[in-house]
């Protein structure tokens, strides 16, 4: 398979924006040519609570699960999940919350979008 262009955003948990501290908790990867959109995430409770002991980690995980539903096209998460992949990626890369924020959009090429997502998660999140 020849290399395919993809875009991705790193998801950041920013429990106290005024401190400008964050922890990378996920990656959303979109590859239009492969009809691929997925998210991989990890929200280690102890690391998140080190940033803010009052953070509702379960709520952060629920927000990440919501994003996974959007990627998967699960209509239970709302109408956005029924939109084309590119529209869903646009929704996911737009800031919606002060606590869970997407970073800037980056790009690259890969022959295997799913493997690239796993690589980015391991490199940027864990």
C-alpha atoms as a PDB file:
ATOM      1  CA  UNK A   1       0.000   0.000   0.000  1.00  0.00           C
ATOM      2  CA  UNK A   2       1.364   3.422  -0.868  1.00  0.00           C
ATOM      3  CA  UNK A   3       1.640   6.137   1.778  1.00  0.00           C
ATOM      4  CA  UNK A   4      -1.555   8.006   2.598  1.00  0.00           C
ATOM      5  CA  UNK A   5      -1.797  11.537   3.972  1.00  0.00           C
ATOM      6  CA  UNK A   6      -3.357  11.905   7.412  1.00  0.00           C
ATOM      7  CA  UNK A   7      -4.085  14.602   9.972  1.00  0.00           C
ATOM      8  CA  UNK A   8      -4.135  14.304  13.734  1.00  0.00           C
ATOM      9  CA  UNK A   9      -4.685  16.305  16.885  1.00  0.00           C
ATOM     10  CA  UNK A  10      -3.424  15.567  20.366  1.00  0.00           C
ATOM     11  CA  UNK A  11      -6.092  15.847  23.056  1.00  0.00           C
ATOM     12  CA  UNK A  12      -5.007  17.639  26.203  1.00  0.00           C
ATOM     13  CA  UNK A  13      -6.542  17.649  29.642  1.00  0.00           C
ATOM     14  CA  UNK A  14      -6.220  21.192  31.013  1.00  0.00           C
ATOM     15  CA  UNK A  15      -7.823  21.095  34.462  1.00  0.00           C
ATOM     16  CA  UNK A  16      -6.710  24.605  35.448  1.00  0.00           C
ATOM     17  CA  UNK A  17      -6.263  26.739  32.304  1.00  0.00           C
ATOM     18  CA  UNK A  18      -4.951  29.697  34.281  1.00  0.00           C
ATOM     19  CA  UNK A  19      -1.875  27.618  35.185  1.00  0.00           C
ATOM     20  CA  UNK A  20      -1.264  26.677  31.529  1.00  0.00           C
ATOM     21  CA  UNK A  21      -0.507  23.091  32.570  1.00  0.00           C
ATOM     22  CA  UNK A  22      -1.827  20.108  30.668  1.00  0.00           C
ATOM     23  CA  UNK A  23      -1.456  16.386  30.208  1.00  0.00           C
ATOM     24  CA  UNK A  24      -1.766  14.742  26.796  1.00  0.00           C
ATOM     25  CA  UNK A  25      -4.544  12.161  27.064  1.00  0.00           C
ATOM     26  CA  UNK A  26      -5.382  11.148  23.505  1.00  0.00           C
ATOM     27  CA  UNK A  27      -4.907  11.387  19.759  1.00  0.00           C
ATOM     28  CA  UNK A  28      -7.531  11.702  17.019  1.00  0.00           C
ATOM     29  CA  UNK A  29      -6.331  10.606  13.572  1.00  0.00           C
ATOM     30  CA  UNK A  30      -8.162  11.188  10.282  1.00  0.00           C
ATOM     31  CA  UNK A  31      -7.060   9.709   6.953  1.00  0.00           C
ATOM     32  CA  UNK A  32      -9.496  10.679   4.232  1.00  0.00           C
ATOM     33  CA  UNK A  33      -7.970   8.381   1.590  1.00  0.00           C
ATOM     34  CA  UNK A  34      -8.426   5.340   3.850  1.00  0.00           C
ATOM     35  CA  UNK A  35     -11.862   6.439   5.110  1.00  0.00           C
ATOM     36  CA  UNK A  36     -10.394   6.325   8.633  1.00  0.00           C
ATOM     37  CA  UNK A  37     -11.241   8.304  11.763  1.00  0.00           C
ATOM     38  CA  UNK A  38     -10.406   7.056  15.223  1.00  0.00           C
ATOM     39  CA  UNK A  39      -9.270   8.135  18.663  1.00  0.00           C
ATOM     40  CA  UNK A  40      -6.973   6.408  21.113  1.00  0.00           C
ATOM     41  CA  UNK A  41      -6.663   7.674  24.666  1.00  0.00           C
ATOM     42  CA  UNK A  42      -5.274   7.052  28.103  1.00  0.00           C
ATOM     43  CA  UNK A  43      -6.265   9.045  31.181  1.00  0.00           C
ATOM     44  CA  UNK A  44      -4.096   7.932  34.103  1.00  0.00           C
ATOM     45  CA  UNK A  45      -6.010   8.967  37.203  1.00  0.00           C
ATOM     46  CA  UNK A  46      -2.951   9.549  39.404  1.00  0.00           C
ATOM     47  CA  UNK A  47      -1.219  11.787  36.851  1.00  0.00           C
ATOM     48  CA  UNK A  48      -4.368  13.819  36.210  1.00  0.00           C
ATOM     49  CA  UNK A  49      -5.005  14.254  39.933  1.00  0.00           C
ATOM     50  CA  UNK A  50      -1.410  15.455  40.350  1.00  0.00           C
ATOM     51  CA  UNK A  51      -2.341  18.392  38.097  1.00  0.00           C
ATOM     52  CA  UNK A  52      -5.540  19.108  40.006  1.00  0.00           C
ATOM     53  CA  UNK A  53      -6.642  17.027  43.019  1.00  0.00           C
ATOM     54  CA  UNK A  54     -10.222  18.238  42.507  1.00  0.00           C
ATOM     55  CA  UNK A  55     -10.472  17.101  38.878  1.00  0.00           C
ATOM     56  CA  UNK A  56     -13.403  14.834  38.048  1.00  0.00           C
ATOM     57  CA  UNK A  57     -11.416  12.178  36.168  1.00  0.00           C
ATOM     58  CA  UNK A  58     -14.554  10.138  35.460  1.00  0.00           C
ATOM     59  CA  UNK A  59     -16.013  13.141  33.646  1.00  0.00           C
ATOM     60  CA  UNK A  60     -12.832  13.496  31.573  1.00  0.00           C
ATOM     61  CA  UNK A  61     -13.075   9.798  30.649  1.00  0.00           C
ATOM     62  CA  UNK A  62     -16.749  10.239  29.738  1.00  0.00           C
ATOM     63  CA  UNK A  63     -15.795  13.113  27.424  1.00  0.00           C
ATOM     64  CA  UNK A  64     -13.139  10.929  25.794  1.00  0.00           C
ATOM     65  CA  UNK A  65     -15.696   8.133  25.383  1.00  0.00           C
ATOM     66  CA  UNK A  66     -18.000  10.650  23.704  1.00  0.00           C
ATOM     67  CA  UNK A  67     -15.232  11.496  21.226  1.00  0.00           C
ATOM     68  CA  UNK A  68     -14.759   7.783  20.550  1.00  0.00           C
ATOM     69  CA  UNK A  69     -18.479   7.557  19.780  1.00  0.00           C
ATOM     70  CA  UNK A  70     -18.205  10.418  17.319  1.00  0.00           C
ATOM     71  CA  UNK A  71     -15.287   8.686  15.589  1.00  0.00           C
ATOM     72  CA  UNK A  72     -17.174   5.388  15.458  1.00  0.00           C
ATOM     73  CA  UNK A  73     -20.301   6.999  14.043  1.00  0.00           C
ATOM     74  CA  UNK A  74     -22.405   5.964  17.043  1.00  0.00           C
ATOM     75  CA  UNK A  75     -25.736   7.810  16.659  1.00  0.00           C
ATOM     76  CA  UNK A  76     -26.296   7.578  20.438  1.00  0.00           C
ATOM     77  CA  UNK A  77     -23.781  10.435  20.916  1.00  0.00           C
ATOM     78  CA  UNK A  78     -25.722  12.804  18.681  1.00  0.00           C
ATOM     79  CA  UNK A  79     -26.247  13.958  15.138  1.00  0.00           C
ATOM     80  CA  UNK A  80     -22.576  14.814  14.577  1.00  0.00           C
ATOM     81  CA  UNK A  81     -21.773  11.092  14.604  1.00  0.00           C
ATOM     82  CA  UNK A  82     -23.883  10.610  11.474  1.00  0.00           C
ATOM     83  CA  UNK A  83     -21.931  13.183   9.447  1.00  0.00           C
ATOM     84  CA  UNK A  84     -19.144  12.346   6.961  1.00  0.00           C
ATOM     85  CA  UNK A  85     -15.718  11.575   8.485  1.00  0.00           C
ATOM     86  CA  UNK A  86     -14.205  14.911   7.454  1.00  0.00           C
ATOM     87  CA  UNK A  87     -17.023  16.805   9.156  1.00  0.00           C
ATOM     88  CA  UNK A  88     -16.620  14.696  12.283  1.00  0.00           C
ATOM     89  CA  UNK A  89     -12.875  15.378  12.343  1.00  0.00           C
ATOM     90  CA  UNK A  90     -13.638  19.099  12.024  1.00  0.00           C
ATOM     91  CA  UNK A  91     -15.927  18.807  15.038  1.00  0.00           C
ATOM     92  CA  UNK A  92     -13.306  16.899  17.042  1.00  0.00           C
ATOM     93  CA  UNK A  93     -10.448  19.306  16.298  1.00  0.00           C
ATOM     94  CA  UNK A  94     -12.462  22.373  17.341  1.00  0.00           C
ATOM     95  CA  UNK A  95     -12.116  23.533  20.961  1.00  0.00           C
ATOM     96  CA  UNK A  96     -15.271  22.718  22.948  1.00  0.00           C
ATOM     97  CA  UNK A  97     -14.175  22.593  26.549  1.00  0.00           C
ATOM     98  CA  UNK A  98     -11.739  24.299  28.851  1.00  0.00           C
ATOM     99  CA  UNK A  99     -10.768  20.975  30.429  1.00  0.00           C
ATOM    100  CA  UNK A 100     -10.392  18.756  27.334  1.00  0.00           C
ATOM    101  CA  UNK A 101      -8.760  20.653  24.480  1.00  0.00           C
ATOM    102  CA  UNK A 102      -7.421  19.635  21.068  1.00  0.00           C
ATOM    103  CA  UNK A 103      -3.947  20.843  20.201  1.00  0.00           C
ATOM    104  CA  UNK A 104      -3.000  22.113  16.743  1.00  0.00           C
ATOM    105  CA  UNK A 105      -3.564  19.942  13.680  1.00  0.00           C
ATOM    106  CA  UNK A 106      -0.504  18.056  12.469  1.00  0.00           C
ATOM    107  CA  UNK A 107      -0.067  15.841   9.431  1.00  0.00           C
ATOM    108  CA  UNK A 108       1.991  13.069   7.974  1.00  0.00           C
ATOM    109  CA  UNK A 109       1.901  10.052   5.713  1.00  0.00           C
ATOM    110  CA  UNK A 110       1.396   6.402   6.574  1.00  0.00           C
ATOM    111  CA  UNK A 111       0.554   3.108   4.934  1.00  0.00           C
ATOM    112  CA  UNK A 112      -1.451   2.020   7.985  1.00  0.00           C
ATOM    113  CA  UNK A 113      -3.573   4.664   9.772  1.00  0.00           C
ATOM    114  CA  UNK A 114      -4.492   2.373  12.693  1.00  0.00           C
ATOM    115  CA  UNK A 115      -0.853   1.502  13.355  1.00  0.00           C
ATOM    116  CA  UNK A 116       0.085   5.176  13.069  1.00  0.00           C
ATOM    117  CA  UNK A 117      -2.568   6.071  15.652  1.00  0.00           C
ATOM    118  CA  UNK A 118      -1.122   3.485  18.054  1.00  0.00           C
ATOM    119  CA  UNK A 119       2.375   4.842  17.407  1.00  0.00           C
ATOM    120  CA  UNK A 120       1.285   8.438  18.075  1.00  0.00           C
ATOM    121  CA  UNK A 121      -0.492   7.418  21.277  1.00  0.00           C
ATOM    122  CA  UNK A 122       2.617   5.631  22.536  1.00  0.00           C
ATOM    123  CA  UNK A 123       4.894   8.500  21.565  1.00  0.00           C
ATOM    124  CA  UNK A 124       2.798  11.507  22.594  1.00  0.00           C
ATOM    125  CA  UNK A 125       0.531  10.307  25.388  1.00  0.00           C
ATOM    126  CA  UNK A 126       1.965   7.398  27.359  1.00  0.00           C
END
